[in-house]
Amino acid sequence: MEHWEVYQDELDRYREELDNDNYEVQEDVLGLEMKLIEKIQLYHESEDAAPYEKVLRELKALKQEFDFYDEEGELDMMFPNRHDDGFDEDSMSASSFFGDD
């Protein structure tokens, strides 16, 4: 069994759990996503990365299908320049967003 197939099997197990309404595996799915991203970075621009990229695409489709909440994505949408140098972190506080009470 190839190493990427272990990740595929893990993803298949999580899909089955989610299909059975076990949403407790969402954190595990996110952990698998991080492992896949690290593996892809390890094989940077190598054909060895292709099977891992395929599993990652399936995982992202799974996240969309089961409507995972993406905190980082939400923050990027709300504050698109938050990664820029000189960004004021205080502008993300509730008081600056909604005003002081």
Protein backbone atom coordinates (compact mmCIF):
# COMPACT_ATOMS: atom_id res chain seq x y z
CA MET A 1 0.00 0.00 0.00
CA GLU A 2 1.33 3.41 -0.99
CA HIS A 3 1.64 6.00 1.76
CA TRP A 4 -0.94 8.29 0.12
CA GLU A 5 -3.44 5.43 0.21
CA VAL A 6 -3.35 5.57 4.01
CA TYR A 7 -4.61 9.14 3.76
CA GLN A 8 -7.26 8.09 1.25
CA ASP A 9 -8.47 5.32 3.58
CA GLU A 10 -8.59 7.78 6.46
CA LEU A 11 -10.64 10.21 4.37
CA ASP A 12 -13.01 7.40 3.35
CA ARG A 13 -13.55 6.51 7.03
CA TYR A 14 -14.33 10.14 7.86
CA ARG A 15 -16.78 10.34 4.94
CA GLU A 16 -18.57 7.27 6.27
CA GLU A 17 -18.72 8.77 9.76
CA LEU A 18 -20.13 12.04 8.41
CA ASP A 19 -22.65 10.13 6.27
CA ASN A 20 -23.78 8.49 9.54
CA ASP A 21 -24.24 11.94 11.14
CA ASN A 22 -21.13 11.67 13.32
CA TYR A 23 -19.92 15.27 13.07
CA GLU A 24 -17.42 14.77 15.88
CA VAL A 25 -14.85 13.78 13.23
CA GLN A 26 -14.71 17.30 11.79
CA GLU A 27 -11.60 18.10 13.83
CA ASP A 28 -10.01 14.88 12.56
CA VAL A 29 -10.79 15.89 8.99
CA LEU A 30 -9.10 19.25 9.57
CA GLY A 31 -6.08 17.44 11.03
CA LEU A 32 -5.90 15.24 7.95
CA GLU A 33 -6.05 18.34 5.78
CA MET A 34 -3.02 19.77 7.60
CA LYS A 35 -1.10 16.51 7.17
CA LEU A 36 -1.87 16.47 3.44
CA ILE A 37 -0.78 20.08 3.01
CA GLU A 38 2.49 19.34 4.80
CA LYS A 39 3.08 16.27 2.62
CA ILE A 40 2.39 18.25 -0.55
CA GLN A 41 4.84 20.94 0.56
CA LEU A 42 7.42 18.24 1.20
CA TYR A 43 7.11 17.00 -2.38
CA HIS A 44 6.90 20.57 -3.74
CA GLU A 45 6.37 20.49 -7.52
CA SER A 46 7.21 16.81 -7.75
CA GLU A 47 5.01 14.25 -9.47
CA ASP A 48 5.01 12.42 -6.12
CA ALA A 49 2.71 15.15 -4.78
CA ALA A 50 -0.06 14.39 -7.31
CA PRO A 51 -1.80 11.58 -5.35
CA TYR A 52 -1.75 13.69 -2.17
CA GLU A 53 -3.21 16.64 -4.09
CA LYS A 54 -5.99 14.40 -5.37
CA VAL A 55 -6.87 13.30 -1.82
CA LEU A 56 -6.74 16.95 -0.69
CA ARG A 57 -9.20 17.94 -3.44
CA GLU A 58 -11.55 15.18 -2.30
CA LEU A 59 -11.21 16.36 1.29
CA LYS A 60 -12.06 19.94 0.33
CA ALA A 61 -15.11 18.69 -1.56
CA LEU A 62 -16.12 16.74 1.55
CA LYS A 63 -15.79 19.89 3.67
CA GLN A 64 -18.04 21.76 1.25
CA GLU A 65 -20.55 18.94 1.10
CA PHE A 66 -20.87 18.83 4.89
CA ASP A 67 -20.63 22.61 5.28
CA PHE A 68 -17.62 22.83 7.60
CA TYR A 69 -17.16 26.19 9.28
CA ASP A 70 -13.86 27.73 8.15
CA GLU A 71 -12.81 30.33 10.71
CA GLU A 72 -9.73 31.43 8.76
CA GLY A 73 -11.74 31.72 5.56
CA GLU A 74 -14.39 33.81 7.32
CA LEU A 75 -11.75 36.14 8.76
CA ASP A 76 -10.09 36.47 5.36
CA MET A 77 -13.45 37.37 3.85
CA MET A 78 -14.21 39.95 6.55
CA PHE A 79 -10.68 41.39 6.70
CA PRO A 80 -8.96 40.67 3.37
CA ASN A 81 -5.90 42.72 4.28
CA ARG A 82 -5.36 41.17 7.71
CA HIS A 83 -2.12 39.47 6.60
CA ASP A 84 -0.59 42.73 5.36
CA ASP A 85 2.29 44.33 7.23
CA GLY A 86 1.04 47.10 9.44
CA PHE A 87 -2.50 45.73 9.75
CA ASP A 88 -4.08 46.96 12.97
CA GLU A 89 -5.26 43.87 14.89
CA ASP A 90 -7.46 46.12 17.05
CA SER A 91 -9.60 46.83 13.99
CA MET A 92 -10.84 43.25 14.29
CA SER A 93 -12.18 43.72 17.82
CA ALA A 94 -15.91 43.72 18.48
CA SER A 95 -15.81 47.28 19.84
CA SER A 96 -14.26 48.67 16.66
CA PHE A 97 -16.63 46.61 14.53
CA PHE A 98 -19.84 47.42 16.41
CA GLY A 99 -18.79 50.54 18.32
CA ASP A 100 -18.23 51.03 22.03
CA ASP A 101 -21.07 50.43 24.45
